[in-house]
Amino acid sequence: MNWRIAVNGAVLVVAVSGAAALNAVVADSQTQEVITKFVANDAKSVLASIKVKNEYKTGYKRSLFIHWSDLDGNGCDTREEVLKRDSISKPQVDPYRCYVVAGDWYSKYDGKNLSDRGDVDIDHVVALKEAWDSGAWSWTKSQRKAYANDMTDGRTLIAVTDRVNRSKGEKDPSNWMPPMKGYWCTFLGDWISVKARWGLSMDQSEYRRIKNLLASDCSSLRIAGWSAAPVSVSPPATTKTTAQATTTTKVAPTTTTAGSAVSTNAPNTTAPAKTTTETSTAAPGAVAKDIYPGSYCAPVDALGTYKGATYICSKTNAEGSPYAGGRARWRKATN
């Protein structure tokens, strides 16, 4: 299926593919979003769409995910919003500071009824560190903040018993499942949907455990649809390559949603590459100088030097694992 979409007077043809995805592109002069609507689908099919790769286990700090923020500006931070949403009775809320004074909660993980907010934790179904290890390490600050406070899909955050949430910690389904086995299939569906919606990967043990459960206890599980993750980015710049010089162009990070990425044109600027949010290009057959390891680059297989070492522009790291978003980066060349 193809969609024809007018953007700033031009017509784009967007191909729609995948068992469960419908893609539309909305762009203006200031922001650009990939808006994706996924329809309900068999859990096995959604699982099959998720990349399986080794986790990135360095650099995580909880402070990298700014959480319990008031993203919609209504005076309530995310924790209070979830406490209000998940209360099974009408919650009492202090209107001046949006503080849930009283409520009643049912913890689906362990089947406990709670009436003291101090006994309630707001759990990220896919924990922040698990998200980091599975791809959020390459996200922008705004993407991580959006994930940490996501109220746009009820499967991202849930109110549960504090002690159960702490036993879960940063674990994935290969080494933790809810104490109440009757909730396992729902938990797996939520886990898969969060990973797919946010473009996160799974490691081998996590994927195998989920696949085994979908083949046995949860064989008929279907996953409800969802809209795109709530992330907007500034239009990235494009690069121009000449045969006489090396050009470095600052670009905003490209948001990838369910494997789709879209970029728009913006003015070029020439400056030395300094951060991983820049893209450097090398003239064909030339060796780029003053590249910065880990920064975006073009074209693929171009060569560069940094402190006397040779680097190559590649879409995979030295172990052969693709970089997030399919973007090429400078990495040290191997023999």
C-alpha atoms as a PDB file:
ATOM      1  CA  MET A   1       0.000   0.000   0.000  1.00  0.00           C
ATOM      2  CA  ASN A   2       1.318   3.504  -0.863  1.00  0.00           C
ATOM      3  CA  TRP A   3       0.185   6.821   0.574  1.00  0.00           C
ATOM      4  CA  ARG A   4       0.665  10.122  -1.278  1.00  0.00           C
ATOM      5  CA  ILE A   5       1.226  12.958   1.175  1.00  0.00           C
ATOM      6  CA  ALA A   6       1.752  16.669   0.408  1.00  0.00           C
ATOM      7  CA  VAL A   7       4.534  18.221   2.515  1.00  0.00           C
ATOM      8  CA  ASN A   8       5.472  21.879   1.949  1.00  0.00           C
ATOM      9  CA  GLY A   9       4.137  21.710  -1.587  1.00  0.00           C
ATOM     10  CA  ALA A  10       5.925  18.478  -2.477  1.00  0.00           C
ATOM     11  CA  VAL A  11       4.340  15.078  -2.803  1.00  0.00           C
ATOM     12  CA  LEU A  12       5.842  12.166  -0.893  1.00  0.00           C
ATOM     13  CA  VAL A  13       4.982   8.555  -1.622  1.00  0.00           C
ATOM     14  CA  VAL A  14       5.197   6.509   1.581  1.00  0.00           C
ATOM     15  CA  ALA A  15       5.263   2.746   1.295  1.00  0.00           C
ATOM     16  CA  VAL A  16       3.372   0.937   4.043  1.00  0.00           C
ATOM     17  CA  SER A  17       4.759  -2.452   4.958  1.00  0.00           C
ATOM     18  CA  GLY A  18       4.789  -4.963   7.822  1.00  0.00           C
ATOM     19  CA  ALA A  19       2.006  -7.093   9.206  1.00  0.00           C
ATOM     20  CA  ALA A  20       0.743  -4.495  11.614  1.00  0.00           C
ATOM     21  CA  ALA A  21       1.983  -1.039  10.656  1.00  0.00           C
ATOM     22  CA  LEU A  22       0.458   1.954   8.957  1.00  0.00           C
ATOM     23  CA  ASN A  23       2.861   4.867   8.521  1.00  0.00           C
ATOM     24  CA  ALA A  24       2.140   8.526   7.894  1.00  0.00           C
ATOM     25  CA  VAL A  25       4.540  11.430   7.736  1.00  0.00           C
ATOM     26  CA  VAL A  26       3.644  14.834   9.103  1.00  0.00           C
ATOM     27  CA  ALA A  27       6.196  17.614   8.705  1.00  0.00           C
ATOM     28  CA  ASP A  28       6.284  21.378   9.199  1.00  0.00           C
ATOM     29  CA  SER A  29       9.012  24.015   9.360  1.00  0.00           C
ATOM     30  CA  GLN A  30       9.818  23.313  13.011  1.00  0.00           C
ATOM     31  CA  THR A  31       9.109  19.699  13.922  1.00  0.00           C
ATOM     32  CA  GLN A  32       8.844  16.328  12.316  1.00  0.00           C
ATOM     33  CA  GLU A  33       7.240  13.187  13.646  1.00  0.00           C
ATOM     34  CA  VAL A  34       6.871   9.646  12.445  1.00  0.00           C
ATOM     35  CA  ILE A  35       3.294   8.783  13.276  1.00  0.00           C
ATOM     36  CA  THR A  36       2.633   5.080  13.280  1.00  0.00           C
ATOM     37  CA  LYS A  37      -0.537   3.220  14.083  1.00  0.00           C
ATOM     38  CA  PHE A  38      -0.277  -0.457  14.869  1.00  0.00           C
ATOM     39  CA  VAL A  39      -3.392  -2.560  14.804  1.00  0.00           C
ATOM     40  CA  ALA A  40      -4.098  -5.559  17.009  1.00  0.00           C
ATOM     41  CA  ASN A  41      -2.020  -8.538  16.005  1.00  0.00           C
ATOM     42  CA  ASP A  42      -0.964 -12.001  17.093  1.00  0.00           C
ATOM     43  CA  ALA A  43       1.715 -11.721  19.775  1.00  0.00           C
ATOM     44  CA  LYS A  44       4.025 -14.101  17.918  1.00  0.00           C
ATOM     45  CA  SER A  45       3.995 -11.824  14.863  1.00  0.00           C
ATOM     46  CA  VAL A  46       4.796  -8.748  16.918  1.00  0.00           C
ATOM     47  CA  LEU A  47       7.590 -10.615  18.714  1.00  0.00           C
ATOM     48  CA  ALA A  48       9.054 -11.657  15.366  1.00  0.00           C
ATOM     49  CA  SER A  49       9.351  -7.980  14.362  1.00  0.00           C
ATOM     50  CA  ILE A  50      11.685  -7.183  17.283  1.00  0.00           C
ATOM     51  CA  LYS A  51      15.442  -7.276  16.724  1.00  0.00           C
ATOM     52  CA  VAL A  52      17.465  -9.772  18.759  1.00  0.00           C
ATOM     53  CA  LYS A  53      20.900  -8.469  19.717  1.00  0.00           C
ATOM     54  CA  ASN A  54      23.314  -8.260  22.621  1.00  0.00           C
ATOM     55  CA  GLU A  55      22.580  -5.631  25.240  1.00  0.00           C
ATOM     56  CA  TYR A  56      24.592  -2.428  25.591  1.00  0.00           C
ATOM     57  CA  LYS A  57      25.586  -2.617  29.240  1.00  0.00           C
ATOM     58  CA  THR A  58      27.663   0.500  29.811  1.00  0.00           C
ATOM     59  CA  GLY A  59      26.935   4.110  30.714  1.00  0.00           C
ATOM     60  CA  TYR A  60      23.519   3.753  32.361  1.00  0.00           C
ATOM     61  CA  LYS A  61      22.506   6.221  35.059  1.00  0.00           C
ATOM     62  CA  ARG A  62      18.932   6.585  36.261  1.00  0.00           C
ATOM     63  CA  SER A  63      19.337  10.349  36.069  1.00  0.00           C
ATOM     64  CA  LEU A  64      19.598  10.033  32.266  1.00  0.00           C
ATOM     65  CA  PHE A  65      15.832   9.385  32.280  1.00  0.00           C
ATOM     66  CA  ILE A  66      14.146  12.487  33.721  1.00  0.00           C
ATOM     67  CA  HIS A  67      11.048  11.010  35.307  1.00  0.00           C
ATOM     68  CA  TRP A  68       7.969  12.010  37.234  1.00  0.00           C
ATOM     69  CA  SER A  69       7.677  15.177  35.167  1.00  0.00           C
ATOM     70  CA  ASP A  70       4.582  17.182  34.243  1.00  0.00           C
ATOM     71  CA  LEU A  71       4.759  16.791  30.469  1.00  0.00           C
ATOM     72  CA  ASP A  72       1.279  18.091  29.680  1.00  0.00           C
ATOM     73  CA  GLY A  73       1.546  21.120  31.974  1.00  0.00           C
ATOM     74  CA  ASN A  74      -1.603  20.350  33.962  1.00  0.00           C
ATOM     75  CA  GLY A  75       0.153  20.619  37.336  1.00  0.00           C
ATOM     76  CA  CYS A  76       0.328  16.851  37.952  1.00  0.00           C
ATOM     77  CA  ASP A  77       3.576  14.921  37.658  1.00  0.00           C
ATOM     78  CA  THR A  78       3.551  11.447  36.127  1.00  0.00           C
ATOM     79  CA  ARG A  79       3.539   9.550  39.429  1.00  0.00           C
ATOM     80  CA  GLU A  80       0.422  11.372  40.607  1.00  0.00           C
ATOM     81  CA  GLU A  81      -1.188  10.893  37.192  1.00  0.00           C
ATOM     82  CA  VAL A  82      -0.720   7.113  37.357  1.00  0.00           C
ATOM     83  CA  LEU A  83      -1.926   6.969  40.960  1.00  0.00           C
ATOM     84  CA  LYS A  84      -5.105   8.782  39.869  1.00  0.00           C
ATOM     85  CA  ARG A  85      -5.533   6.657  36.745  1.00  0.00           C
ATOM     86  CA  ASP A  86      -5.024   3.290  38.434  1.00  0.00           C
ATOM     87  CA  SER A  87      -7.069   3.918  41.594  1.00  0.00           C
ATOM     88  CA  ILE A  88     -10.046   1.539  41.603  1.00  0.00           C
ATOM     89  CA  SER A  89     -12.014   4.034  43.728  1.00  0.00           C
ATOM     90  CA  LYS A  90     -12.449   7.750  43.099  1.00  0.00           C
ATOM     91  CA  PRO A  91      -9.147   9.210  44.326  1.00  0.00           C
ATOM     92  CA  GLN A  92      -8.997  12.205  46.636  1.00  0.00           C
ATOM     93  CA  VAL A  93      -6.650  14.761  45.126  1.00  0.00           C
ATOM     94  CA  ASP A  94      -5.282  17.971  46.614  1.00  0.00           C
ATOM     95  CA  PRO A  95      -6.202  20.424  43.817  1.00  0.00           C
ATOM     96  CA  TYR A  96      -3.491  22.914  44.689  1.00  0.00           C
ATOM     97  CA  ARG A  97      -0.504  20.624  44.244  1.00  0.00           C
ATOM     98  CA  CYS A  98      -2.112  17.663  42.470  1.00  0.00           C
ATOM     99  CA  TYR A  99      -1.228  15.250  45.256  1.00  0.00           C
ATOM    100  CA  VAL A 100      -3.243  12.033  45.594  1.00  0.00           C
ATOM    101  CA  VAL A 101      -4.282  12.131  49.235  1.00  0.00           C
ATOM    102  CA  ALA A 102      -6.204   8.850  49.188  1.00  0.00           C
ATOM    103  CA  GLY A 103      -7.124   6.056  46.812  1.00  0.00           C
ATOM    104  CA  ASP A 104      -7.366   2.283  46.440  1.00  0.00           C
ATOM    105  CA  TRP A 105      -5.155   0.243  44.153  1.00  0.00           C
ATOM    106  CA  TYR A 106      -5.129  -3.351  42.939  1.00  0.00           C
ATOM    107  CA  SER A 107      -1.638  -4.635  42.187  1.00  0.00           C
ATOM    108  CA  LYS A 108      -1.981  -6.902  39.157  1.00  0.00           C
ATOM    109  CA  TYR A 109       1.492  -8.380  39.675  1.00  0.00           C
ATOM    110  CA  ASP A 110       0.594 -10.069  42.969  1.00  0.00           C
ATOM    111  CA  GLY A 111      -3.173  -9.619  43.417  1.00  0.00           C
ATOM    112  CA  LYS A 112      -2.871  -7.355  46.473  1.00  0.00           C
ATOM    113  CA  ASN A 113      -5.316  -4.568  47.383  1.00  0.00           C
ATOM    114  CA  LEU A 114      -3.593  -1.412  48.609  1.00  0.00           C
ATOM    115  CA  SER A 115      -5.007   1.679  50.299  1.00  0.00           C
ATOM    116  CA  ASP A 116      -1.807   3.434  51.381  1.00  0.00           C
ATOM    117  CA  ARG A 117      -0.030   5.295  48.578  1.00  0.00           C
ATOM    118  CA  GLY A 118       3.225   4.616  50.400  1.00  0.00           C
ATOM    119  CA  ASP A 119       2.829   0.927  49.534  1.00  0.00           C
ATOM    120  CA  VAL A 120       2.438   1.707  45.831  1.00  0.00           C
ATOM    121  CA  ASP A 121       5.271   1.939  43.314  1.00  0.00           C
ATOM    122  CA  ILE A 122       4.859   3.125  39.735  1.00  0.00           C
ATOM    123  CA  ASP A 123       6.616   0.475  37.675  1.00  0.00           C
ATOM    124  CA  HIS A 124       8.120   0.980  34.241  1.00  0.00           C
ATOM    125  CA  VAL A 125       7.025  -2.351  32.758  1.00  0.00           C
ATOM    126  CA  VAL A 126      10.253  -2.330  30.753  1.00  0.00           C
ATOM    127  CA  ALA A 127      12.611  -0.889  33.361  1.00  0.00           C
ATOM    128  CA  LEU A 128      14.692   2.185  32.566  1.00  0.00           C
ATOM    129  CA  LYS A 129      17.977   0.265  32.601  1.00  0.00           C
ATOM    130  CA  GLU A 130      16.478  -2.497  30.469  1.00  0.00           C
ATOM    131  CA  ALA A 131      15.362   0.177  27.996  1.00  0.00           C
ATOM    132  CA  TRP A 132      18.866   1.706  28.035  1.00  0.00           C
ATOM    133  CA  ASP A 133      20.528  -1.656  27.412  1.00  0.00           C
ATOM    134  CA  SER A 134      18.054  -2.396  24.602  1.00  0.00           C
ATOM    135  CA  GLY A 135      18.543   0.782  22.580  1.00  0.00           C
ATOM    136  CA  ALA A 136      17.719   3.863  24.668  1.00  0.00           C
ATOM    137  CA  TRP A 137      21.455   4.466  25.091  1.00  0.00           C
ATOM    138  CA  SER A 138      21.351   6.015  21.597  1.00  0.00           C
ATOM    139  CA  TRP A 139      18.265   8.176  22.266  1.00  0.00           C
ATOM    140  CA  THR A 140      18.208  11.897  22.829  1.00  0.00           C
ATOM    141  CA  LYS A 141      17.469  13.395  26.240  1.00  0.00           C
ATOM    142  CA  SER A 142      13.934  14.284  25.112  1.00  0.00           C
ATOM    143  CA  GLN A 143      13.262  10.725  23.937  1.00  0.00           C
ATOM    144  CA  ARG A 144      14.352   9.272  27.274  1.00  0.00           C
ATOM    145  CA  LYS A 145      12.220  11.809  29.147  1.00  0.00           C
ATOM    146  CA  ALA A 146       9.200  10.934  26.993  1.00  0.00           C
ATOM    147  CA  TYR A 147       9.712   7.233  27.682  1.00  0.00           C
ATOM    148  CA  ALA A 148      10.162   7.693  31.429  1.00  0.00           C
ATOM    149  CA  ASN A 149       6.874   9.625  31.683  1.00  0.00           C
ATOM    150  CA  ASP A 150       4.820   7.897  28.980  1.00  0.00           C
ATOM    151  CA  MET A 151       1.114   8.194  29.735  1.00  0.00           C
ATOM    152  CA  THR A 152       0.039   7.847  26.100  1.00  0.00           C
ATOM    153  CA  ASP A 153      -0.154   4.062  26.345  1.00  0.00           C
ATOM    154  CA  GLY A 154      -1.337   2.372  29.546  1.00  0.00           C
ATOM    155  CA  ARG A 155       1.108  -0.504  29.140  1.00  0.00           C
ATOM    156  CA  THR A 156       4.253   1.538  29.805  1.00  0.00           C
ATOM    157  CA  LEU A 157       3.571   2.422  33.466  1.00  0.00           C
ATOM    158  CA  ILE A 158       1.546   0.566  36.105  1.00  0.00           C
ATOM    159  CA  ALA A 159       0.822   0.985  39.842  1.00  0.00           C
ATOM    160  CA  VAL A 160       1.900  -2.127  41.781  1.00  0.00           C
ATOM    161  CA  THR A 161       2.963  -3.261  45.252  1.00  0.00           C
ATOM    162  CA  ASP A 162       6.277  -1.634  46.130  1.00  0.00           C
ATOM    163  CA  ARG A 163       8.037  -4.792  47.355  1.00  0.00           C
ATOM    164  CA  VAL A 164       7.072  -6.717  44.203  1.00  0.00           C
ATOM    165  CA  ASN A 165       8.293  -3.911  42.005  1.00  0.00           C
ATOM    166  CA  ARG A 166      11.613  -3.929  43.854  1.00  0.00           C
ATOM    167  CA  SER A 167      11.965  -7.689  43.409  1.00  0.00           C
ATOM    168  CA  LYS A 168      11.470  -7.142  39.681  1.00  0.00           C
ATOM    169  CA  GLY A 169      14.048  -4.364  39.566  1.00  0.00           C
ATOM    170  CA  GLU A 170      15.781  -4.270  36.183  1.00  0.00           C
ATOM    171  CA  LYS A 171      15.003  -7.877  35.253  1.00  0.00           C
ATOM    172  CA  ASP A 172      13.415  -9.056  32.002  1.00  0.00           C
ATOM    173  CA  PRO A 173      11.040 -12.044  31.554  1.00  0.00           C
ATOM    174  CA  SER A 174      13.956 -14.478  31.301  1.00  0.00           C
ATOM    175  CA  ASN A 175      14.607 -14.059  35.041  1.00  0.00           C
ATOM    176  CA  TRP A 176      11.448 -12.486  36.471  1.00  0.00           C
ATOM    177  CA  MET A 177       7.720 -12.958  36.003  1.00  0.00           C
ATOM    178  CA  PRO A 178       4.857 -11.627  38.177  1.00  0.00           C
ATOM    179  CA  PRO A 179       4.110 -13.745  41.279  1.00  0.00           C
ATOM    180  CA  MET A 180       0.506 -14.112  40.087  1.00  0.00           C
ATOM    181  CA  LYS A 181       0.791 -16.567  37.212  1.00  0.00           C
ATOM    182  CA  GLY A 182      -2.669 -15.683  35.910  1.00  0.00           C
ATOM    183  CA  TYR A 183      -1.235 -12.309  34.892  1.00  0.00           C
ATOM    184  CA  TRP A 184       1.719 -13.718  32.953  1.00  0.00           C
ATOM    185  CA  CYS A 185       0.184 -13.480  29.481  1.00  0.00           C
ATOM    186  CA  THR A 186      -0.987  -9.900  30.010  1.00  0.00           C
ATOM    187  CA  PHE A 187       2.467  -8.985  31.316  1.00  0.00           C
ATOM    188  CA  LEU A 188       4.141 -10.553  28.271  1.00  0.00           C
ATOM    189  CA  GLY A 189       1.784  -8.701  25.939  1.00  0.00           C
ATOM    190  CA  ASP A 190       2.596  -5.416  27.663  1.00  0.00           C
ATOM    191  CA  TRP A 191       6.337  -6.155  27.569  1.00  0.00           C
ATOM    192  CA  ILE A 192       6.302  -6.988  23.857  1.00  0.00           C
ATOM    193  CA  SER A 193       4.179  -3.945  22.977  1.00  0.00           C
ATOM    194  CA  VAL A 194       6.483  -1.531  24.839  1.00  0.00           C
ATOM    195  CA  LYS A 195       9.577  -2.988  23.181  1.00  0.00           C
ATOM    196  CA  ALA A 196       8.013  -2.897  19.710  1.00  0.00           C
ATOM    197  CA  ARG A 197       6.480   0.567  20.100  1.00  0.00           C
ATOM    198  CA  TRP A 198       9.745   2.137  21.225  1.00  0.00           C
ATOM    199  CA  GLY A 199      11.969   0.225  18.777  1.00  0.00           C
ATOM    200  CA  LEU A 200      13.845  -1.600  21.544  1.00  0.00           C
ATOM    201  CA  SER A 201      15.642  -4.903  21.013  1.00  0.00           C
ATOM    202  CA  MET A 202      15.706  -8.137  23.015  1.00  0.00           C
ATOM    203  CA  ASP A 203      18.638 -10.293  24.019  1.00  0.00           C
ATOM    204  CA  GLN A 204      18.723 -14.012  23.236  1.00  0.00           C
ATOM    205  CA  SER A 205      17.576 -15.323  26.624  1.00  0.00           C
ATOM    206  CA  GLU A 206      14.753 -12.780  26.886  1.00  0.00           C
ATOM    207  CA  TYR A 207      13.527 -13.562  23.370  1.00  0.00           C
ATOM    208  CA  ARG A 208      13.682 -17.345  23.849  1.00  0.00           C
ATOM    209  CA  ARG A 209      11.770 -17.247  27.152  1.00  0.00           C
ATOM    210  CA  ILE A 210       9.005 -15.121  25.670  1.00  0.00           C
ATOM    211  CA  LYS A 211       8.854 -17.233  22.519  1.00  0.00           C
ATOM    212  CA  ASN A 212       8.539 -20.408  24.606  1.00  0.00           C
ATOM    213  CA  LEU A 213       5.703 -18.947  26.686  1.00  0.00           C
ATOM    214  CA  LEU A 214       3.895 -17.822  23.525  1.00  0.00           C
ATOM    215  CA  ALA A 215       4.152 -21.378  22.263  1.00  0.00           C
ATOM    216  CA  SER A 216       2.654 -22.817  25.451  1.00  0.00           C
ATOM    217  CA  ASP A 217       0.823 -20.922  28.218  1.00  0.00           C
ATOM    218  CA  CYS A 218       0.070 -17.838  26.092  1.00  0.00           C
ATOM    219  CA  SER A 219      -0.359 -19.417  22.657  1.00  0.00           C
ATOM    220  CA  SER A 220      -3.534 -17.455  21.812  1.00  0.00           C
ATOM    221  CA  LEU A 221      -2.281 -14.072  23.026  1.00  0.00           C
ATOM    222  CA  ARG A 222      -3.107 -11.071  20.861  1.00  0.00           C
ATOM    223  CA  ILE A 223      -1.679  -7.615  21.410  1.00  0.00           C
ATOM    224  CA  ALA A 224      -3.883  -4.521  21.193  1.00  0.00           C
ATOM    225  CA  GLY A 225      -2.857  -1.736  18.835  1.00  0.00           C
ATOM    226  CA  TRP A 226      -0.991   1.411  19.765  1.00  0.00           C
ATOM    227  CA  SER A 227      -0.063   4.806  18.367  1.00  0.00           C
ATOM    228  CA  ALA A 228       3.450   6.092  17.812  1.00  0.00           C
ATOM    229  CA  ALA A 229       5.769   6.787  20.711  1.00  0.00           C
ATOM    230  CA  PRO A 230       5.383  10.447  21.774  1.00  0.00           C
ATOM    231  CA  VAL A 231       8.635  11.864  20.421  1.00  0.00           C
ATOM    232  CA  SER A 232       9.206  14.908  18.194  1.00  0.00           C
ATOM    233  CA  VAL A 233      12.572  15.944  16.758  1.00  0.00           C
ATOM    234  CA  SER A 234      13.896  18.993  14.946  1.00  0.00           C
ATOM    235  CA  PRO A 235      14.447  18.507  11.209  1.00  0.00           C
ATOM    236  CA  PRO A 236      17.946  17.056  10.647  1.00  0.00           C
ATOM    237  CA  ALA A 237      20.261  18.676   8.129  1.00  0.00           C
ATOM    238  CA  THR A 238      21.454  16.868   5.034  1.00  0.00           C
ATOM    239  CA  THR A 239      25.069  16.751   3.859  1.00  0.00           C
ATOM    240  CA  LYS A 240      26.686  17.743   0.594  1.00  0.00           C
ATOM    241  CA  THR A 241      29.835  16.053  -0.678  1.00  0.00           C
ATOM    242  CA  THR A 242      32.379  17.624  -3.046  1.00  0.00           C
ATOM    243  CA  ALA A 243      35.446  16.060  -4.599  1.00  0.00           C
ATOM    244  CA  GLN A 244      37.742  18.744  -3.174  1.00  0.00           C
ATOM    245  CA  ALA A 245      36.863  18.860   0.523  1.00  0.00           C
ATOM    246  CA  THR A 246      35.513  17.103   3.535  1.00  0.00           C
ATOM    247  CA  THR A 247      32.237  18.587   4.801  1.00  0.00           C
ATOM    248  CA  THR A 248      30.879  18.239   8.310  1.00  0.00           C
ATOM    249  CA  THR A 249      27.212  19.001   8.847  1.00  0.00           C
ATOM    250  CA  LYS A 250      25.376  19.266  12.133  1.00  0.00           C
ATOM    251  CA  VAL A 251      22.230  17.178  12.217  1.00  0.00           C
ATOM    252  CA  ALA A 252      19.614  16.629  14.850  1.00  0.00           C
ATOM    253  CA  PRO A 253      19.278  12.986  15.954  1.00  0.00           C
ATOM    254  CA  THR A 254      16.900  10.978  13.775  1.00  0.00           C
ATOM    255  CA  THR A 255      13.993   9.411  15.624  1.00  0.00           C
ATOM    256  CA  THR A 256      13.380   5.805  14.711  1.00  0.00           C
ATOM    257  CA  THR A 257       9.960   4.346  15.361  1.00  0.00           C
ATOM    258  CA  ALA A 258       9.338   0.684  14.622  1.00  0.00           C
ATOM    259  CA  GLY A 259      12.156   0.703  12.084  1.00  0.00           C
ATOM    260  CA  SER A 260      11.064   3.840  10.167  1.00  0.00           C
ATOM    261  CA  ALA A 261      13.111   7.034   9.998  1.00  0.00           C
ATOM    262  CA  VAL A 262      12.381  10.267   8.125  1.00  0.00           C
ATOM    263  CA  SER A 263      14.611  13.297   7.576  1.00  0.00           C
ATOM    264  CA  THR A 264      14.103  16.730   5.987  1.00  0.00           C
ATOM    265  CA  ASN A 265      16.441  19.269   4.439  1.00  0.00           C
ATOM    266  CA  ALA A 266      17.942  22.147   6.422  1.00  0.00           C
ATOM    267  CA  PRO A 267      20.818  24.576   5.760  1.00  0.00           C
ATOM    268  CA  ASN A 268      24.325  23.124   5.797  1.00  0.00           C
ATOM    269  CA  THR A 269      27.063  24.352   8.128  1.00  0.00           C
ATOM    270  CA  THR A 270      30.756  23.586   7.908  1.00  0.00           C
ATOM    271  CA  ALA A 271      32.541  22.863  11.178  1.00  0.00           C
ATOM    272  CA  PRO A 272      34.855  20.238  12.686  1.00  0.00           C
ATOM    273  CA  ALA A 273      33.031  17.151  13.911  1.00  0.00           C
ATOM    274  CA  LYS A 274      32.739  17.305  17.700  1.00  0.00           C
ATOM    275  CA  THR A 275      29.831  15.163  18.868  1.00  0.00           C
ATOM    276  CA  THR A 276      27.984  12.026  17.902  1.00  0.00           C
ATOM    277  CA  THR A 277      25.046  14.184  16.741  1.00  0.00           C
ATOM    278  CA  GLU A 278      27.080  15.367  13.750  1.00  0.00           C
ATOM    279  CA  THR A 279      27.488  13.688  10.387  1.00  0.00           C
ATOM    280  CA  SER A 280      30.753  13.924   8.471  1.00  0.00           C
ATOM    281  CA  THR A 281      31.176  13.018   4.832  1.00  0.00           C
ATOM    282  CA  ALA A 282      34.301  12.083   2.933  1.00  0.00           C
ATOM    283  CA  ALA A 283      34.897  12.705  -0.761  1.00  0.00           C
ATOM    284  CA  PRO A 284      34.925   9.456  -2.769  1.00  0.00           C
ATOM    285  CA  GLY A 285      38.378   7.878  -2.693  1.00  0.00           C
ATOM    286  CA  ALA A 286      39.695  10.374  -0.124  1.00  0.00           C
ATOM    287  CA  VAL A 287      40.619   9.851   3.516  1.00  0.00           C
ATOM    288  CA  ALA A 288      38.732  12.213   5.830  1.00  0.00           C
ATOM    289  CA  LYS A 289      40.793  13.938   8.501  1.00  0.00           C
ATOM    290  CA  ASP A 290      39.741  15.180  11.928  1.00  0.00           C
ATOM    291  CA  ILE A 291      36.850  12.765  12.200  1.00  0.00           C
ATOM    292  CA  TYR A 292      35.415  12.043  15.644  1.00  0.00           C
ATOM    293  CA  PRO A 293      35.010   8.375  16.689  1.00  0.00           C
ATOM    294  CA  GLY A 294      31.353   7.418  17.064  1.00  0.00           C
ATOM    295  CA  SER A 295      29.939  10.395  15.140  1.00  0.00           C
ATOM    296  CA  TYR A 296      27.586   9.910  12.195  1.00  0.00           C
ATOM    297  CA  CYS A 297      29.241   9.703   8.788  1.00  0.00           C
ATOM    298  CA  ALA A 298      28.775   9.187   5.059  1.00  0.00           C
ATOM    299  CA  PRO A 299      29.307   7.507   2.687  1.00  0.00           C
ATOM    300  CA  VAL A 300      29.496   3.977   4.073  1.00  0.00           C
ATOM    301  CA  ASP A 301      33.016   2.449   3.813  1.00  0.00           C
ATOM    302  CA  ALA A 302      34.702   5.869   3.684  1.00  0.00           C
ATOM    303  CA  LEU A 303      37.973   6.081   5.624  1.00  0.00           C
ATOM    304  CA  GLY A 304      39.074   8.669   8.159  1.00  0.00           C
ATOM    305  CA  THR A 305      41.870   9.276  10.634  1.00  0.00           C
ATOM    306  CA  TYR A 306      41.853  10.221  14.313  1.00  0.00           C
ATOM    307  CA  LYS A 307      45.070  10.606  16.324  1.00  0.00           C
ATOM    308  CA  GLY A 308      46.934   8.584  13.718  1.00  0.00           C
ATOM    309  CA  ALA A 309      44.505   5.626  13.727  1.00  0.00           C
ATOM    310  CA  THR A 310      42.399   4.667  10.721  1.00  0.00           C
ATOM    311  CA  TYR A 311      38.607   4.677  11.056  1.00  0.00           C
ATOM    312  CA  ILE A 312      35.905   3.414   8.718  1.00  0.00           C
ATOM    313  CA  CYS A 313      32.372   4.725   8.170  1.00  0.00           C
ATOM    314  CA  SER A 314      30.217   1.693   8.967  1.00  0.00           C
ATOM    315  CA  LYS A 315      26.631   0.809   9.842  1.00  0.00           C
ATOM    316  CA  THR A 316      27.868  -1.932  12.216  1.00  0.00           C
ATOM    317  CA  ASN A 317      30.274  -2.042  15.127  1.00  0.00           C
ATOM    318  CA  ALA A 318      33.454  -4.133  15.107  1.00  0.00           C
ATOM    319  CA  GLU A 319      31.444  -7.198  16.212  1.00  0.00           C
ATOM    320  CA  GLY A 320      29.011  -6.821  13.310  1.00  0.00           C
ATOM    321  CA  SER A 321      26.004  -5.547  15.310  1.00  0.00           C
ATOM    322  CA  PRO A 322      24.054  -2.775  13.496  1.00  0.00           C
ATOM    323  CA  TYR A 323      24.014   0.691  15.058  1.00  0.00           C
ATOM    324  CA  ALA A 324      20.666   2.053  16.248  1.00  0.00           C
ATOM    325  CA  GLY A 325      18.476   3.572  13.554  1.00  0.00           C
ATOM    326  CA  GLY A 326      20.582   2.137  10.718  1.00  0.00           C
ATOM    327  CA  ARG A 327      22.869   5.194  10.854  1.00  0.00           C
ATOM    328  CA  ALA A 328      26.545   4.853   9.886  1.00  0.00           C
ATOM    329  CA  ARG A 329      29.196   5.886  12.425  1.00  0.00           C
ATOM    330  CA  TRP A 330      32.987   6.239  12.489  1.00  0.00           C
ATOM    331  CA  ARG A 331      34.576   3.209  14.161  1.00  0.00           C
ATOM    332  CA  LYS A 332      38.169   1.984  14.233  1.00  0.00           C
ATOM    333  CA  ALA A 333      39.008  -0.075  11.169  1.00  0.00           C
ATOM    334  CA  THR A 334      39.898  -3.718  11.786  1.00  0.00           C
ATOM    335  CA  ASN A 335      42.345  -5.856   9.822  1.00  0.00           C
END
